[in-house]
Amino acid sequence: MRELLEKHRASGSTRPLIGGHRGCECQWPENSIKAMEEGIRQGADYLEIDIQLTKDNIPIVFHDIEVKEKTGLDGYVQDHIYQELKDTFAPPTFMEVMEWGKKNKVYFALEIKSYNCINGEQNLKLMPILDDVVRQYDMYSHVEAFSVDWRALKKLKSINPLFDIGLISPVVPADSIALLNEYDAFIYLSYVWNMRRGDVEYMQKNGIYVSGAILRDMNLIEYAKSIGVDMFEFDKPELLGYIE
């Protein structure tokens, strides 16, 4: 992911990079490889996908912490083995997605889904597995992991200091660079309405890339562009083809 961001900044373009949110919103299930293919077809520069760990330690691409709505099963992702989830909803494994992404030269923002009181320990178990899979497919230049779960991100950096990470923060702190340096993060994600142009410029001048996270309101999208964010996610990338 750093590769994509550095090339984009060096080009001098003022257009934010657009991420396909959970692949994209389309006829295919979110976070499915079909939805990812459609997101790229619609012009997404990268894909934002969600990573969780099953009871039998299989990393899967699945958004909801609770599985009832998508699968009819009770409980959380971590309460079920992969086969149970595959039989009811068929989420792709992270390995399948990395294999597809490698073949198609796709960039990914990997959200480590976190409700810390529920899956905090499971996320710590996920980190070495995540790193192993990315290493297996030689995708370090094409991914970054981000989360509100700072414990998981710290563990990932302790396992592999070269794994790029982004930090989700609900506020713009008084010293954003000190916060990001504490976690060795190179992407800052927050609610775009919290940010002003000066906040964005300060972080960018210090080597940080700024994400407006997921945006759905067109007024906020125009605002994000006006303050110069580097990237944000959108459900239907093709609708933003006008952004220059």
Protein backbone atom coordinates (compact mmCIF):
# COMPACT_ATOMS: atom_id res chain seq x y z
CA MET A 1 0.00 0.00 0.00
CA ARG A 2 2.88 2.36 0.74
CA GLU A 3 4.00 1.83 -2.86
CA LEU A 4 0.65 3.09 -4.20
CA LEU A 5 0.52 6.06 -1.84
CA GLU A 6 4.08 7.16 -2.57
CA LYS A 7 3.54 6.98 -6.33
CA HIS A 8 0.33 8.96 -6.02
CA ARG A 9 1.90 11.69 -3.89
CA ALA A 10 4.92 11.92 -6.19
CA SER A 11 2.61 12.41 -9.18
CA GLY A 12 1.35 15.69 -7.72
CA SER A 13 -2.27 14.66 -8.18
CA THR A 14 -4.81 16.32 -5.89
CA ARG A 15 -7.37 13.55 -6.46
CA PRO A 16 -7.79 11.33 -3.39
CA LEU A 17 -7.27 7.62 -3.89
CA ILE A 18 -10.61 5.81 -3.79
CA GLY A 19 -10.91 2.51 -1.95
CA GLY A 20 -13.64 0.02 -2.75
CA HIS A 21 -15.39 -0.46 0.60
CA ARG A 22 -15.65 -4.21 1.37
CA GLY A 23 -14.89 -4.67 -2.33
CA CYS A 24 -17.89 -2.63 -3.42
CA GLU A 25 -21.65 -2.49 -3.06
CA CYS A 26 -23.04 -4.60 -5.89
CA GLN A 27 -24.97 -7.79 -6.66
CA TRP A 28 -22.24 -9.84 -5.02
CA PRO A 29 -21.84 -10.32 -1.24
CA GLU A 30 -19.62 -7.78 0.51
CA ASN A 31 -16.00 -8.86 1.00
CA SER A 32 -16.41 -11.63 -1.58
CA ILE A 33 -13.81 -11.97 -4.33
CA LYS A 34 -16.59 -11.24 -6.85
CA ALA A 35 -17.30 -7.93 -5.08
CA MET A 36 -13.57 -7.19 -5.08
CA GLU A 37 -13.35 -7.88 -8.81
CA GLU A 38 -16.30 -5.55 -9.36
CA GLY A 39 -14.73 -2.86 -7.18
CA ILE A 40 -11.59 -2.91 -9.30
CA ARG A 41 -13.68 -2.91 -12.49
CA GLN A 42 -15.46 0.19 -11.19
CA GLY A 43 -12.12 1.96 -10.85
CA ALA A 44 -11.16 1.55 -7.19
CA ASP A 45 -7.49 2.32 -6.57
CA TYR A 46 -7.41 -0.14 -3.67
CA LEU A 47 -9.79 -2.34 -1.71
CA GLU A 48 -10.75 -2.06 1.95
CA ILE A 49 -11.57 -5.47 3.44
CA ASP A 50 -12.18 -6.84 6.94
CA ILE A 51 -10.12 -9.59 8.58
CA GLN A 52 -11.16 -11.83 11.48
CA LEU A 53 -9.99 -15.14 12.93
CA THR A 54 -12.24 -18.18 13.30
CA LYS A 55 -12.32 -20.59 16.22
CA ASP A 56 -10.00 -22.94 14.33
CA ASN A 57 -7.55 -20.11 13.55
CA ILE A 58 -8.46 -19.52 9.91
CA PRO A 59 -8.22 -15.84 8.89
CA ILE A 60 -11.33 -14.91 6.92
CA VAL A 61 -12.61 -11.80 5.16
CA PHE A 62 -15.83 -10.97 6.99
CA HIS A 63 -17.18 -7.70 8.35
CA ASP A 64 -19.65 -8.42 11.16
CA ILE A 65 -18.38 -9.41 14.60
CA GLU A 66 -21.71 -11.14 15.24
CA VAL A 67 -22.59 -13.70 12.57
CA LYS A 68 -26.37 -14.04 13.01
CA GLU A 69 -27.46 -11.68 10.23
CA LYS A 70 -25.25 -13.19 7.55
CA THR A 71 -25.22 -16.86 8.56
CA GLY A 72 -28.19 -17.55 10.83
CA LEU A 73 -25.74 -18.85 13.44
CA ASP A 74 -25.49 -17.48 16.96
CA GLY A 75 -22.45 -15.83 18.48
CA TYR A 76 -19.33 -14.29 16.99
CA VAL A 77 -16.85 -15.22 14.26
CA GLN A 78 -14.47 -16.53 16.90
CA ASP A 79 -17.14 -18.96 18.17
CA HIS A 80 -17.29 -20.93 14.91
CA ILE A 81 -14.91 -23.06 12.89
CA TYR A 82 -14.43 -22.01 9.28
CA GLN A 83 -16.45 -24.89 7.84
CA GLU A 84 -19.55 -23.75 9.75
CA LEU A 85 -19.27 -20.26 8.28
CA LYS A 86 -18.45 -21.61 4.83
CA ASP A 87 -21.54 -23.82 4.85
CA THR A 88 -23.83 -20.88 5.66
CA PHE A 89 -22.27 -17.81 4.01
CA ALA A 90 -18.98 -18.85 2.36
CA PRO A 91 -16.70 -15.93 3.26
CA PRO A 92 -13.33 -16.17 1.49
CA THR A 93 -10.24 -16.99 3.47
CA PHE A 94 -7.54 -14.35 3.67
CA MET A 95 -5.26 -16.75 1.81
CA GLU A 96 -7.68 -16.95 -1.12
CA VAL A 97 -7.88 -13.17 -1.28
CA MET A 98 -4.12 -12.71 -1.16
CA GLU A 99 -3.67 -15.28 -3.93
CA TRP A 100 -6.20 -13.42 -6.08
CA GLY A 101 -4.71 -10.04 -5.15
CA LYS A 102 -1.18 -11.15 -5.99
CA LYS A 103 -2.29 -12.41 -9.40
CA ASN A 104 -4.12 -9.16 -10.16
CA LYS A 105 -1.69 -6.70 -8.52
CA VAL A 106 -4.35 -5.32 -6.17
CA TYR A 107 -3.68 -3.04 -3.19
CA PHE A 108 -5.48 -3.67 0.11
CA ALA A 109 -6.32 -1.81 3.30
CA LEU A 110 -6.88 -4.58 5.85
CA GLU A 111 -9.16 -3.62 8.73
CA ILE A 112 -8.62 -5.68 11.86
CA LYS A 113 -12.19 -5.77 13.14
CA SER A 114 -12.29 -4.95 16.81
CA TYR A 115 -14.70 -4.90 19.68
CA ASN A 116 -11.91 -5.32 22.18
CA CYS A 117 -14.08 -6.61 25.01
CA ILE A 118 -15.18 -9.43 22.68
CA ASN A 119 -12.34 -10.29 20.31
CA GLY A 120 -9.28 -8.51 21.67
CA GLU A 121 -7.45 -11.73 22.54
CA GLN A 122 -8.43 -13.29 19.22
CA ASN A 123 -6.93 -10.31 17.38
CA LEU A 124 -3.62 -10.87 19.16
CA LYS A 125 -3.67 -14.46 17.89
CA LEU A 126 -4.49 -13.18 14.41
CA MET A 127 -1.42 -10.95 14.06
CA PRO A 128 1.30 -13.61 13.45
CA ILE A 129 -1.08 -15.47 11.13
CA LEU A 130 -1.77 -12.28 9.17
CA ASP A 131 1.95 -11.63 8.81
CA ASP A 132 2.63 -15.22 7.71
CA VAL A 133 0.00 -15.04 4.96
CA VAL A 134 1.22 -11.70 3.63
CA ARG A 135 4.76 -13.06 3.63
CA GLN A 136 3.67 -16.25 1.86
CA TYR A 137 2.21 -14.24 -1.02
CA ASP A 138 4.91 -11.54 -0.97
CA MET A 139 2.29 -8.79 -0.62
CA TYR A 140 3.95 -6.45 1.88
CA SER A 141 4.20 -3.65 -0.69
CA HIS A 142 0.50 -3.98 -1.49
CA VAL A 143 -1.12 -4.05 1.97
CA GLU A 144 -1.48 -2.06 5.16
CA ALA A 145 -3.30 -3.15 8.31
CA PHE A 146 -5.38 -0.67 10.27
CA SER A 147 -7.59 -0.76 13.33
CA VAL A 148 -8.76 0.92 16.51
CA ASP A 149 -7.16 -2.04 18.32
CA TRP A 150 -3.80 -0.54 19.22
CA ARG A 151 -2.76 -3.68 21.12
CA ALA A 152 -3.10 -5.78 17.98
CA LEU A 153 -1.24 -3.20 15.88
CA LYS A 154 1.57 -3.04 18.45
CA LYS A 155 1.88 -6.82 18.35
CA LEU A 156 1.97 -6.83 14.56
CA LYS A 157 4.80 -4.28 14.55
CA SER A 158 6.69 -6.30 17.17
CA ILE A 159 6.41 -9.37 14.94
CA ASN A 160 7.39 -7.50 11.79
CA PRO A 161 8.50 -3.86 12.07
CA LEU A 162 8.23 -3.52 8.28
CA PHE A 163 4.50 -4.28 8.19
CA ASP A 164 2.80 -0.96 7.39
CA ILE A 165 -0.07 0.06 9.65
CA GLY A 166 -2.70 2.76 9.97
CA LEU A 167 -4.28 3.99 13.19
CA ILE A 168 -7.97 4.84 13.53
CA SER A 169 -8.53 7.74 15.93
CA PRO A 170 -11.93 9.28 16.77
CA VAL A 171 -10.23 12.63 17.44
CA VAL A 172 -7.50 14.79 15.98
CA PRO A 173 -5.01 14.83 18.88
CA ALA A 174 -3.05 17.89 19.93
CA ASP A 175 0.11 16.20 18.65
CA SER A 176 -0.92 13.79 15.92
CA ILE A 177 2.65 13.04 14.88
CA ALA A 178 3.65 11.97 18.39
CA LEU A 179 0.65 9.63 18.50
CA LEU A 180 1.41 8.08 15.11
CA ASN A 181 5.11 7.76 15.89
CA GLU A 182 4.26 5.94 19.12
CA TYR A 183 2.66 3.17 17.07
CA ASP A 184 4.98 3.52 14.05
CA ALA A 185 1.91 4.14 11.89
CA PHE A 186 2.09 5.89 8.52
CA ILE A 187 -1.65 6.31 7.85
CA TYR A 188 -4.02 8.32 10.04
CA LEU A 189 -7.75 7.57 9.77
CA SER A 190 -10.49 9.65 11.37
CA TYR A 191 -13.90 11.17 10.81
CA VAL A 192 -13.31 13.67 8.05
CA TRP A 193 -15.59 16.24 9.71
CA ASN A 194 -13.13 16.40 12.62
CA MET A 195 -10.30 17.52 10.36
CA ARG A 196 -9.27 20.87 8.96
CA ARG A 197 -6.90 21.52 6.11
CA GLY A 198 -4.16 22.58 8.52
CA ASP A 199 -4.40 19.24 10.36
CA VAL A 200 -4.04 17.33 7.10
CA GLU A 201 -1.16 19.45 5.82
CA TYR A 202 0.72 19.12 9.11
CA MET A 203 0.55 15.35 9.01
CA GLN A 204 1.44 15.17 5.32
CA LYS A 205 4.48 17.41 5.81
CA ASN A 206 5.64 14.90 8.43
CA GLY A 207 5.35 11.94 6.06
CA ILE A 208 1.89 10.75 7.12
CA TYR A 209 -0.92 9.81 4.75
CA VAL A 210 -4.41 10.88 5.80
CA SER A 211 -7.55 8.83 5.21
CA GLY A 212 -11.12 10.07 5.51
CA ALA A 213 -12.12 6.43 6.13
CA ILE A 214 -15.55 5.44 4.77
CA LEU A 215 -17.58 8.30 3.26
CA ARG A 216 -21.13 8.12 1.90
CA ASP A 217 -22.31 11.74 1.95
CA MET A 218 -21.39 13.70 -1.19
CA ASN A 219 -20.95 16.94 0.77
CA LEU A 220 -18.40 15.22 3.01
CA ILE A 221 -16.67 13.78 -0.04
CA GLU A 222 -16.29 17.29 -1.47
CA TYR A 223 -15.05 18.47 1.92
CA ALA A 224 -12.52 15.64 2.10
CA LYS A 225 -11.19 16.67 -1.30
CA SER A 226 -11.04 20.34 -0.28
CA ILE A 227 -8.86 19.63 2.78
CA GLY A 228 -6.55 17.38 0.78
CA VAL A 229 -6.97 13.91 2.28
CA ASP A 230 -4.92 11.26 0.51
CA MET A 231 -7.58 8.56 0.42
CA PHE A 232 -11.01 7.39 1.51
CA GLU A 233 -13.35 4.47 0.94
CA PHE A 234 -16.65 4.48 -0.95
CA ASP A 235 -19.30 1.82 -1.55
CA LYS A 236 -19.68 2.42 -5.31
CA PRO A 237 -16.35 3.60 -6.75
CA GLU A 238 -17.71 4.12 -10.27
CA LEU A 239 -19.93 6.97 -9.02
CA LEU A 240 -16.80 8.97 -8.15
CA GLY A 241 -15.22 8.87 -11.58
CA TYR A 242 -15.73 12.62 -11.81
CA ILE A 243 -13.23 13.37 -9.02
CA GLU A 244 -10.05 14.93 -10.35
